[in-house]
N, C-alpha and C. Protein backbone atom coordinates (compact mmCIF):
# COMPACT_ATOMS: atom_id res chain seq x y z
N UNK A 1 33.25 124.88 -6.30
CA UNK A 1 33.99 125.89 -7.04
C UNK A 1 33.04 126.76 -7.85
N UNK A 2 32.12 126.15 -8.58
CA UNK A 2 31.18 126.93 -9.38
C UNK A 2 30.29 127.79 -8.49
N UNK A 3 29.89 127.23 -7.35
CA UNK A 3 29.05 127.98 -6.43
C UNK A 3 29.79 129.23 -5.93
N UNK A 4 31.06 129.07 -5.59
CA UNK A 4 31.85 130.19 -5.11
C UNK A 4 31.98 131.26 -6.19
N UNK A 5 32.26 130.84 -7.41
CA UNK A 5 32.35 131.80 -8.51
C UNK A 5 31.01 132.49 -8.72
N UNK A 6 29.92 131.73 -8.64
CA UNK A 6 28.60 132.31 -8.78
C UNK A 6 28.36 133.35 -7.69
N UNK A 7 28.72 133.02 -6.47
CA UNK A 7 28.54 133.95 -5.36
C UNK A 7 29.35 135.22 -5.61
N UNK A 8 30.60 135.05 -6.05
CA UNK A 8 31.45 136.20 -6.34
C UNK A 8 30.85 137.09 -7.40
N UNK A 9 30.35 136.49 -8.48
CA UNK A 9 29.72 137.26 -9.55
C UNK A 9 28.45 137.95 -9.05
N UNK A 10 27.69 137.27 -8.22
CA UNK A 10 26.47 137.87 -7.70
C UNK A 10 26.77 139.06 -6.80
N UNK A 11 27.80 138.94 -5.99
CA UNK A 11 28.18 140.05 -5.12
C UNK A 11 28.55 141.26 -5.95
N UNK A 12 29.37 141.03 -6.97
CA UNK A 12 29.79 142.13 -7.82
C UNK A 12 28.59 142.71 -8.58
N UNK A 13 27.64 141.86 -9.00
CA UNK A 13 26.45 142.32 -9.69
C UNK A 13 25.60 143.17 -8.76
N UNK A 14 25.40 142.68 -7.54
CA UNK A 14 24.57 143.41 -6.59
C UNK A 14 25.18 144.74 -6.20
N UNK A 15 26.52 144.76 -6.11
CA UNK A 15 27.18 146.02 -5.80
C UNK A 15 27.13 146.95 -7.01
N UNK A 16 26.99 146.33 -8.18
CA UNK A 16 26.86 147.10 -9.41
C UNK A 16 28.03 148.05 -9.62
N UNK A 17 27.73 149.17 -10.17
CA UNK A 17 28.75 150.17 -10.43
C UNK A 17 28.92 151.12 -9.26
N UNK A 18 28.21 150.87 -8.20
CA UNK A 18 28.30 151.73 -7.04
C UNK A 18 29.65 151.51 -6.36
N UNK A 19 30.46 152.53 -6.39
CA UNK A 19 31.81 152.42 -5.85
C UNK A 19 31.93 153.14 -4.51
N UNK A 20 30.89 153.11 -3.71
CA UNK A 20 30.99 153.73 -2.40
C UNK A 20 32.04 152.98 -1.60
N UNK A 21 32.62 153.68 -0.66
CA UNK A 21 33.67 153.04 0.15
C UNK A 21 33.13 151.84 0.91
N UNK A 22 31.87 151.90 1.31
CA UNK A 22 31.28 150.76 2.02
C UNK A 22 31.21 149.54 1.10
N UNK A 23 30.80 149.74 -0.14
CA UNK A 23 30.73 148.63 -1.10
C UNK A 23 32.12 148.10 -1.43
N UNK A 24 33.08 148.98 -1.54
CA UNK A 24 34.46 148.55 -1.82
C UNK A 24 34.98 147.71 -0.66
N UNK A 25 34.72 148.14 0.56
CA UNK A 25 35.16 147.37 1.73
C UNK A 25 34.51 146.00 1.76
N UNK A 26 33.22 145.94 1.44
CA UNK A 26 32.52 144.65 1.42
C UNK A 26 33.11 143.73 0.35
N UNK A 27 33.36 144.28 -0.82
CA UNK A 27 33.94 143.48 -1.91
C UNK A 27 35.34 143.00 -1.54
N UNK A 28 36.12 143.86 -0.90
CA UNK A 28 37.47 143.49 -0.45
C UNK A 28 37.39 142.34 0.56
N UNK A 29 36.52 142.50 1.53
CA UNK A 29 36.40 141.47 2.57
C UNK A 29 35.97 140.13 1.96
N UNK A 30 35.07 140.18 1.01
CA UNK A 30 34.63 138.96 0.32
C UNK A 30 35.81 138.30 -0.40
N UNK A 31 36.64 139.11 -1.06
CA UNK A 31 37.80 138.57 -1.78
C UNK A 31 38.84 137.99 -0.81
N UNK A 32 38.95 138.58 0.37
CA UNK A 32 39.88 138.04 1.37
C UNK A 32 39.39 136.67 1.84
N UNK A 33 38.09 136.57 2.09
CA UNK A 33 37.52 135.31 2.57
C UNK A 33 37.50 134.23 1.50
N UNK A 34 37.34 134.64 0.25
CA UNK A 34 37.26 133.70 -0.87
C UNK A 34 38.19 134.16 -1.98
N UNK A 35 39.47 133.77 -1.92
CA UNK A 35 40.45 134.23 -2.92
C UNK A 35 40.03 133.96 -4.36
N UNK A 36 39.17 132.97 -4.56
CA UNK A 36 38.73 132.67 -5.93
C UNK A 36 37.90 133.79 -6.54
N UNK A 37 37.44 134.76 -5.74
CA UNK A 37 36.72 135.90 -6.31
C UNK A 37 37.63 137.12 -6.48
N UNK A 38 38.93 136.90 -6.33
CA UNK A 38 39.90 137.99 -6.50
C UNK A 38 39.81 138.63 -7.88
N UNK A 39 39.57 137.82 -8.90
CA UNK A 39 39.44 138.37 -10.26
C UNK A 39 38.24 139.31 -10.35
N UNK A 40 37.14 138.92 -9.71
CA UNK A 40 35.95 139.77 -9.71
C UNK A 40 36.23 141.08 -8.96
N UNK A 41 36.90 140.98 -7.83
CA UNK A 41 37.24 142.17 -7.04
C UNK A 41 38.14 143.10 -7.87
N UNK A 42 39.12 142.51 -8.54
CA UNK A 42 40.03 143.30 -9.39
C UNK A 42 39.25 144.01 -10.49
N UNK A 43 38.37 143.29 -11.17
CA UNK A 43 37.57 143.89 -12.25
C UNK A 43 36.68 145.01 -11.69
N UNK A 44 36.09 144.77 -10.54
CA UNK A 44 35.25 145.77 -9.89
C UNK A 44 36.04 147.04 -9.60
N UNK A 45 37.26 146.88 -9.08
CA UNK A 45 38.07 148.05 -8.74
C UNK A 45 38.57 148.78 -9.99
N UNK A 46 38.83 148.06 -11.06
CA UNK A 46 39.28 148.71 -12.29
C UNK A 46 38.19 149.59 -12.90
N UNK A 47 36.93 149.28 -12.61
CA UNK A 47 35.82 150.08 -13.13
C UNK A 47 35.68 151.41 -12.41
N UNK A 48 36.29 151.53 -11.26
CA UNK A 48 36.11 152.71 -10.43
C UNK A 48 36.67 153.96 -11.10
N UNK A 49 35.87 155.00 -11.10
CA UNK A 49 36.30 156.31 -11.59
C UNK A 49 36.76 157.19 -10.43
N UNK A 50 36.55 156.69 -9.23
CA UNK A 50 36.91 157.42 -8.02
C UNK A 50 38.42 157.37 -7.84
N UNK A 51 39.04 158.52 -7.65
CA UNK A 51 40.50 158.53 -7.49
C UNK A 51 40.92 158.99 -6.10
N UNK A 52 40.04 158.81 -5.11
CA UNK A 52 40.42 159.16 -3.74
C UNK A 52 41.56 158.24 -3.30
N UNK A 53 42.37 158.70 -2.37
CA UNK A 53 43.48 157.86 -1.90
C UNK A 53 43.03 156.50 -1.37
N UNK A 54 41.90 156.45 -0.67
CA UNK A 54 41.44 155.18 -0.11
C UNK A 54 41.01 154.22 -1.22
N UNK A 55 40.26 154.70 -2.19
CA UNK A 55 39.86 153.85 -3.31
C UNK A 55 41.09 153.43 -4.10
N UNK A 56 42.04 154.33 -4.28
CA UNK A 56 43.29 153.98 -4.97
C UNK A 56 44.02 152.86 -4.23
N UNK A 57 44.01 152.92 -2.90
CA UNK A 57 44.66 151.87 -2.11
C UNK A 57 43.96 150.53 -2.31
N UNK A 58 42.63 150.53 -2.34
CA UNK A 58 41.91 149.28 -2.58
C UNK A 58 42.16 148.78 -4.01
N UNK A 59 42.29 149.70 -4.95
CA UNK A 59 42.61 149.30 -6.32
C UNK A 59 44.00 148.64 -6.34
N UNK A 60 44.93 149.21 -5.62
CA UNK A 60 46.27 148.63 -5.51
C UNK A 60 46.20 147.24 -4.89
N UNK A 61 45.44 147.11 -3.83
CA UNK A 61 45.29 145.82 -3.16
C UNK A 61 44.70 144.79 -4.12
N UNK A 62 43.77 145.23 -4.96
CA UNK A 62 43.17 144.29 -5.92
C UNK A 62 44.23 143.74 -6.88
N UNK A 63 45.24 144.55 -7.19
CA UNK A 63 46.35 144.08 -8.04
C UNK A 63 47.12 142.97 -7.33
N UNK A 64 47.42 143.19 -6.06
CA UNK A 64 48.16 142.17 -5.30
C UNK A 64 47.33 140.91 -5.10
N UNK A 65 46.04 141.08 -4.86
CA UNK A 65 45.18 139.92 -4.65
C UNK A 65 45.03 139.10 -5.93
N UNK A 66 45.04 139.78 -7.06
CA UNK A 66 44.97 139.07 -8.33
C UNK A 66 46.22 138.20 -8.51
N UNK A 67 47.35 138.69 -8.04
CA UNK A 67 48.61 137.93 -8.15
C UNK A 67 48.48 136.56 -7.47
N UNK A 68 47.68 136.49 -6.41
CA UNK A 68 47.50 135.22 -5.68
C UNK A 68 46.92 134.13 -6.57
N UNK A 69 46.08 134.48 -7.49
CA UNK A 69 45.37 133.46 -8.27
C UNK A 69 45.98 133.22 -9.65
N UNK A 70 47.03 133.96 -9.99
CA UNK A 70 47.71 133.73 -11.26
C UNK A 70 48.72 132.61 -11.10
N UNK A 71 48.98 131.87 -12.15
CA UNK A 71 49.93 130.75 -12.04
C UNK A 71 51.31 131.13 -12.56
N UNK A 72 51.42 132.06 -13.47
CA UNK A 72 52.71 132.44 -14.06
C UNK A 72 53.49 133.34 -13.10
N UNK A 73 54.70 132.95 -12.70
CA UNK A 73 55.48 133.76 -11.76
C UNK A 73 55.77 135.18 -12.26
N UNK A 74 55.97 135.33 -13.57
CA UNK A 74 56.23 136.66 -14.11
C UNK A 74 54.98 137.54 -14.03
N UNK A 75 53.83 136.94 -14.27
CA UNK A 75 52.57 137.68 -14.15
C UNK A 75 52.32 138.06 -12.69
N UNK A 76 52.63 137.14 -11.79
CA UNK A 76 52.47 137.43 -10.36
C UNK A 76 53.33 138.63 -9.97
N UNK A 77 54.59 138.61 -10.38
CA UNK A 77 55.51 139.70 -10.05
C UNK A 77 55.04 141.01 -10.66
N UNK A 78 54.56 140.96 -11.88
CA UNK A 78 54.05 142.16 -12.54
C UNK A 78 52.88 142.75 -11.76
N UNK A 79 51.99 141.90 -11.29
CA UNK A 79 50.84 142.36 -10.51
C UNK A 79 51.30 143.00 -9.21
N UNK A 80 52.27 142.39 -8.54
CA UNK A 80 52.74 142.93 -7.27
C UNK A 80 53.42 144.28 -7.50
N UNK A 81 54.11 144.44 -8.61
CA UNK A 81 54.73 145.73 -8.92
C UNK A 81 53.67 146.80 -9.20
N UNK A 82 52.58 146.41 -9.86
CA UNK A 82 51.46 147.34 -10.06
C UNK A 82 50.90 147.77 -8.71
N UNK A 83 50.73 146.78 -7.83
CA UNK A 83 50.25 147.08 -6.47
C UNK A 83 51.16 148.11 -5.82
N UNK A 84 52.46 147.85 -5.87
CA UNK A 84 53.42 148.70 -5.19
C UNK A 84 53.37 150.15 -5.71
N UNK A 85 53.30 150.32 -7.03
CA UNK A 85 53.23 151.68 -7.60
C UNK A 85 51.96 152.41 -7.16
N UNK A 86 50.82 151.72 -7.25
CA UNK A 86 49.55 152.34 -6.86
C UNK A 86 49.51 152.66 -5.37
N UNK A 87 50.02 151.75 -4.56
CA UNK A 87 49.98 151.97 -3.11
C UNK A 87 50.89 153.13 -2.72
N UNK A 88 52.04 153.27 -3.36
CA UNK A 88 52.92 154.41 -3.07
C UNK A 88 52.20 155.73 -3.29
N UNK A 89 51.44 155.81 -4.37
CA UNK A 89 50.68 157.03 -4.67
C UNK A 89 49.63 157.27 -3.59
N UNK A 90 48.91 156.23 -3.22
CA UNK A 90 47.87 156.36 -2.19
C UNK A 90 48.46 156.82 -0.87
N UNK A 91 49.60 156.27 -0.50
CA UNK A 91 50.25 156.65 0.76
C UNK A 91 50.70 158.10 0.69
N UNK A 92 51.29 158.51 -0.43
CA UNK A 92 51.73 159.91 -0.56
C UNK A 92 50.55 160.87 -0.46
N UNK A 93 49.41 160.47 -1.01
CA UNK A 93 48.23 161.33 -0.99
C UNK A 93 47.56 161.39 0.38
N UNK A 94 47.73 160.35 1.18
CA UNK A 94 47.06 160.30 2.48
C UNK A 94 47.88 159.47 3.47
N UNK A 95 49.03 159.99 3.83
CA UNK A 95 49.96 159.25 4.69
C UNK A 95 49.41 158.98 6.09
N UNK A 96 48.43 159.75 6.51
CA UNK A 96 47.91 159.57 7.87
C UNK A 96 46.68 158.68 7.94
N UNK A 97 46.30 158.06 6.83
CA UNK A 97 45.12 157.20 6.82
C UNK A 97 45.44 155.82 7.42
N UNK A 98 44.78 155.52 8.52
CA UNK A 98 44.96 154.21 9.15
C UNK A 98 44.50 153.10 8.20
N UNK A 99 43.42 153.33 7.49
CA UNK A 99 42.90 152.31 6.60
C UNK A 99 43.89 151.98 5.49
N UNK A 100 44.46 152.99 4.88
CA UNK A 100 45.44 152.76 3.82
C UNK A 100 46.68 152.07 4.38
N UNK A 101 47.12 152.51 5.54
CA UNK A 101 48.30 151.88 6.17
C UNK A 101 48.01 150.43 6.52
N UNK A 102 46.79 150.16 6.99
CA UNK A 102 46.43 148.77 7.30
C UNK A 102 46.45 147.92 6.04
N UNK A 103 45.92 148.44 4.96
CA UNK A 103 45.92 147.67 3.71
C UNK A 103 47.34 147.34 3.27
N UNK A 104 48.23 148.33 3.34
CA UNK A 104 49.62 148.07 2.95
C UNK A 104 50.26 147.06 3.90
N UNK A 105 50.00 147.21 5.18
CA UNK A 105 50.53 146.26 6.17
C UNK A 105 50.07 144.85 5.87
N UNK A 106 48.79 144.68 5.58
CA UNK A 106 48.24 143.35 5.33
C UNK A 106 48.85 142.71 4.09
N UNK A 107 49.01 143.49 3.04
CA UNK A 107 49.60 142.95 1.81
C UNK A 107 51.07 142.63 2.05
N UNK A 108 51.82 143.56 2.61
CA UNK A 108 53.25 143.33 2.81
C UNK A 108 53.51 142.16 3.75
N UNK A 109 52.65 141.98 4.74
CA UNK A 109 52.80 140.86 5.65
C UNK A 109 52.67 139.53 4.90
N UNK A 110 51.81 139.51 3.91
CA UNK A 110 51.54 138.27 3.16
C UNK A 110 52.42 138.07 1.93
N UNK A 111 53.23 139.05 1.57
CA UNK A 111 54.14 138.87 0.44
C UNK A 111 55.32 137.99 0.85
N UNK A 112 55.80 137.16 -0.07
CA UNK A 112 56.99 136.37 0.24
C UNK A 112 58.17 137.29 0.55
N UNK A 113 58.90 136.99 1.58
CA UNK A 113 60.01 137.86 2.02
C UNK A 113 61.11 138.00 0.97
N UNK A 114 61.28 136.98 0.11
CA UNK A 114 62.36 137.06 -0.87
C UNK A 114 62.13 138.15 -1.91
N UNK A 115 60.91 138.68 -2.00
CA UNK A 115 60.64 139.77 -2.93
C UNK A 115 61.23 141.09 -2.44
N UNK A 116 61.49 141.18 -1.14
CA UNK A 116 62.05 142.41 -0.60
C UNK A 116 61.08 143.58 -0.65
N UNK A 117 59.80 143.31 -0.62
CA UNK A 117 58.78 144.36 -0.72
C UNK A 117 57.98 144.51 0.56
N UNK A 118 58.55 144.10 1.67
CA UNK A 118 57.82 144.16 2.94
C UNK A 118 58.51 145.08 3.94
N UNK A 119 59.06 146.17 3.44
CA UNK A 119 59.85 147.05 4.29
C UNK A 119 59.04 148.03 5.13
N UNK A 120 57.74 148.11 4.95
CA UNK A 120 56.94 149.10 5.67
C UNK A 120 56.13 148.52 6.82
N UNK A 121 56.29 147.26 7.12
CA UNK A 121 55.45 146.61 8.13
C UNK A 121 55.56 147.32 9.49
N UNK A 122 56.77 147.50 9.97
CA UNK A 122 56.95 148.14 11.29
C UNK A 122 56.44 149.58 11.29
N UNK A 123 56.75 150.31 10.23
CA UNK A 123 56.30 151.71 10.10
C UNK A 123 54.77 151.80 10.13
N UNK A 124 54.12 150.95 9.36
CA UNK A 124 52.66 150.99 9.30
C UNK A 124 52.03 150.54 10.61
N UNK A 125 52.57 149.50 11.21
CA UNK A 125 52.05 149.02 12.49
C UNK A 125 52.17 150.11 13.54
N UNK A 126 53.33 150.77 13.59
CA UNK A 126 53.55 151.84 14.56
C UNK A 126 52.56 152.99 14.33
N UNK A 127 52.36 153.35 13.08
CA UNK A 127 51.42 154.43 12.76
C UNK A 127 50.00 154.06 13.18
N UNK A 128 49.60 152.84 12.91
CA UNK A 128 48.25 152.39 13.28
C UNK A 128 48.08 152.43 14.79
N UNK A 129 49.05 151.91 15.52
CA UNK A 129 48.94 151.87 16.98
C UNK A 129 48.95 153.27 17.59
N UNK A 130 49.74 154.18 17.03
CA UNK A 130 49.79 155.55 17.55
C UNK A 130 48.51 156.34 17.28
N UNK A 131 47.77 155.95 16.26
CA UNK A 131 46.62 156.75 15.84
C UNK A 131 45.29 156.02 15.98
N UNK A 132 45.24 155.04 16.84
CA UNK A 132 43.99 154.28 17.02
C UNK A 132 42.80 155.15 17.39
N UNK A 133 43.06 156.23 18.08
CA UNK A 133 41.96 157.07 18.52
C UNK A 133 41.19 157.68 17.35
N UNK A 134 41.79 157.72 16.17
CA UNK A 134 41.09 158.30 15.02
C UNK A 134 40.30 157.26 14.22
N UNK A 135 40.28 156.02 14.68
CA UNK A 135 39.53 154.97 13.96
C UNK A 135 38.06 155.34 13.85
N UNK A 136 37.49 155.95 14.87
CA UNK A 136 36.07 156.28 14.82
C UNK A 136 35.76 157.29 13.72
N UNK A 137 36.70 158.13 13.35
CA UNK A 137 36.46 159.11 12.30
C UNK A 137 36.47 158.48 10.91
N UNK A 138 36.85 157.21 10.81
CA UNK A 138 36.90 156.53 9.52
C UNK A 138 35.53 155.99 9.11
N UNK A 139 34.56 156.04 10.00
CA UNK A 139 33.23 155.53 9.71
C UNK A 139 33.24 154.08 9.25
N UNK A 140 34.03 153.28 9.94
CA UNK A 140 34.07 151.85 9.64
C UNK A 140 32.90 151.17 10.31
N UNK A 141 32.39 150.15 9.65
CA UNK A 141 31.39 149.38 10.36
C UNK A 141 32.13 148.50 11.36
N UNK A 142 31.45 148.10 12.43
CA UNK A 142 32.13 147.34 13.48
C UNK A 142 32.85 146.09 12.97
N UNK A 143 32.31 145.47 11.96
CA UNK A 143 32.95 144.28 11.42
C UNK A 143 34.32 144.56 10.85
N UNK A 144 34.49 145.72 10.24
CA UNK A 144 35.79 146.06 9.66
C UNK A 144 36.81 146.37 10.75
N UNK A 145 36.38 147.07 11.79
CA UNK A 145 37.27 147.33 12.93
C UNK A 145 37.71 146.01 13.56
N UNK A 146 36.76 145.08 13.68
CA UNK A 146 37.10 143.77 14.22
C UNK A 146 38.06 143.04 13.29
N UNK A 147 37.87 143.20 11.99
CA UNK A 147 38.75 142.56 11.02
C UNK A 147 40.19 143.04 11.22
N UNK A 148 40.38 144.34 11.39
CA UNK A 148 41.72 144.89 11.63
C UNK A 148 42.28 144.31 12.92
N UNK A 149 41.47 144.31 13.96
CA UNK A 149 41.92 143.79 15.25
C UNK A 149 42.33 142.32 15.15
N UNK A 150 41.48 141.51 14.54
CA UNK A 150 41.79 140.07 14.46
C UNK A 150 42.95 139.77 13.53
N UNK A 151 43.11 140.57 12.49
CA UNK A 151 44.28 140.39 11.63
C UNK A 151 45.55 140.63 12.44
N UNK A 152 45.59 141.73 13.18
CA UNK A 152 46.78 142.04 13.97
C UNK A 152 47.01 141.01 15.07
N UNK A 153 45.92 140.54 15.66
CA UNK A 153 46.04 139.51 16.69
C UNK A 153 46.57 138.20 16.11
N UNK A 154 46.03 137.78 14.99
CA UNK A 154 46.40 136.48 14.42
C UNK A 154 47.81 136.47 13.84
N UNK A 155 48.30 137.63 13.43
CA UNK A 155 49.65 137.68 12.86
C UNK A 155 50.73 137.68 13.93
N UNK A 156 50.36 138.05 15.16
CA UNK A 156 51.35 138.13 16.22
C UNK A 156 52.25 139.34 16.09
N UNK A 157 51.86 140.31 15.29
CA UNK A 157 52.68 141.51 15.11
C UNK A 157 52.66 142.42 16.33
N UNK A 158 51.62 142.28 17.16
CA UNK A 158 51.47 143.13 18.34
C UNK A 158 51.68 142.31 19.61
N UNK A 159 52.18 142.98 20.61
CA UNK A 159 52.32 142.33 21.91
C UNK A 159 50.93 142.21 22.54
N UNK A 160 50.84 141.42 23.60
CA UNK A 160 49.54 141.26 24.27
C UNK A 160 49.09 142.59 24.88
N UNK A 161 50.04 143.40 25.37
CA UNK A 161 49.68 144.71 25.92
C UNK A 161 49.13 145.63 24.83
N UNK A 162 49.75 145.59 23.65
CA UNK A 162 49.27 146.41 22.53
C UNK A 162 47.88 145.96 22.10
N UNK A 163 47.65 144.66 22.08
CA UNK A 163 46.34 144.14 21.68
C UNK A 163 45.27 144.54 22.70
N UNK A 164 45.62 144.48 23.97
CA UNK A 164 44.67 144.88 25.01
C UNK A 164 44.33 146.36 24.88
N UNK A 165 45.35 147.20 24.69
CA UNK A 165 45.12 148.64 24.54
C UNK A 165 44.27 148.91 23.30
N UNK A 166 44.53 148.19 22.23
CA UNK A 166 43.77 148.36 21.00
C UNK A 166 42.31 147.96 21.23
N UNK A 167 42.10 146.85 21.88
CA UNK A 167 40.73 146.38 22.13
C UNK A 167 39.97 147.40 22.98
N UNK A 168 40.61 147.93 24.01
CA UNK A 168 39.96 148.91 24.87
C UNK A 168 39.63 150.20 24.10
N UNK A 169 40.55 150.64 23.28
CA UNK A 169 40.31 151.84 22.47
C UNK A 169 39.14 151.63 21.53
N UNK A 170 39.12 150.50 20.84
CA UNK A 170 38.04 150.24 19.89
C UNK A 170 36.70 150.07 20.60
N UNK A 171 36.69 149.42 21.75
CA UNK A 171 35.45 149.26 22.50
C UNK A 171 34.91 150.60 22.97
N UNK A 172 35.81 151.49 23.38
CA UNK A 172 35.41 152.82 23.86
C UNK A 172 34.82 153.67 22.73
N UNK A 173 35.19 153.36 21.52
CA UNK A 173 34.71 154.14 20.37
C UNK A 173 33.45 153.57 19.77
N UNK A 174 32.96 152.49 20.32
CA UNK A 174 31.72 151.84 19.85
C UNK A 174 31.80 151.44 18.39
N UNK A 175 33.02 151.27 17.87
CA UNK A 175 33.16 150.78 16.49
C UNK A 175 33.68 149.36 16.51
N UNK A 176 33.59 148.74 17.65
CA UNK A 176 34.13 147.38 17.79
C UNK A 176 33.03 146.45 18.22
């Protein structure tokens, strides 16, 4: 446990105050792999002065991820509501962003259904599948493209035909 916290703190220290989208993606991925660093990811995102829609979406996601590690149900709900408000703004500012839609899809997929906050899953999945050809313009590193692919594959949200088409599209774009 201490080692994991140390690693989380070191990652945030090494990333420093640099809020480039690449660093934000790395910090997000680290928090996904190690939920115990969610607090560090949240603190890192709160420091951001960048108000681009994509950074705003990651800031929103950090709110939801923080909810995972809180023990008080009211605090958890408060965090998820903060996520929802921030994500709505990010979506309005950049409705055609596959990355933002993927982030919302991933969070909503993992929210408990009784919260009634998972109403955009089909919409976001459809948008992502219809616009896969623009993934290369997002300048994602291959690992992130693979992350999106494996998330969709592991959730079973896509049919095998959709997964095959997605894999072929990503391979053709050399971002996979």
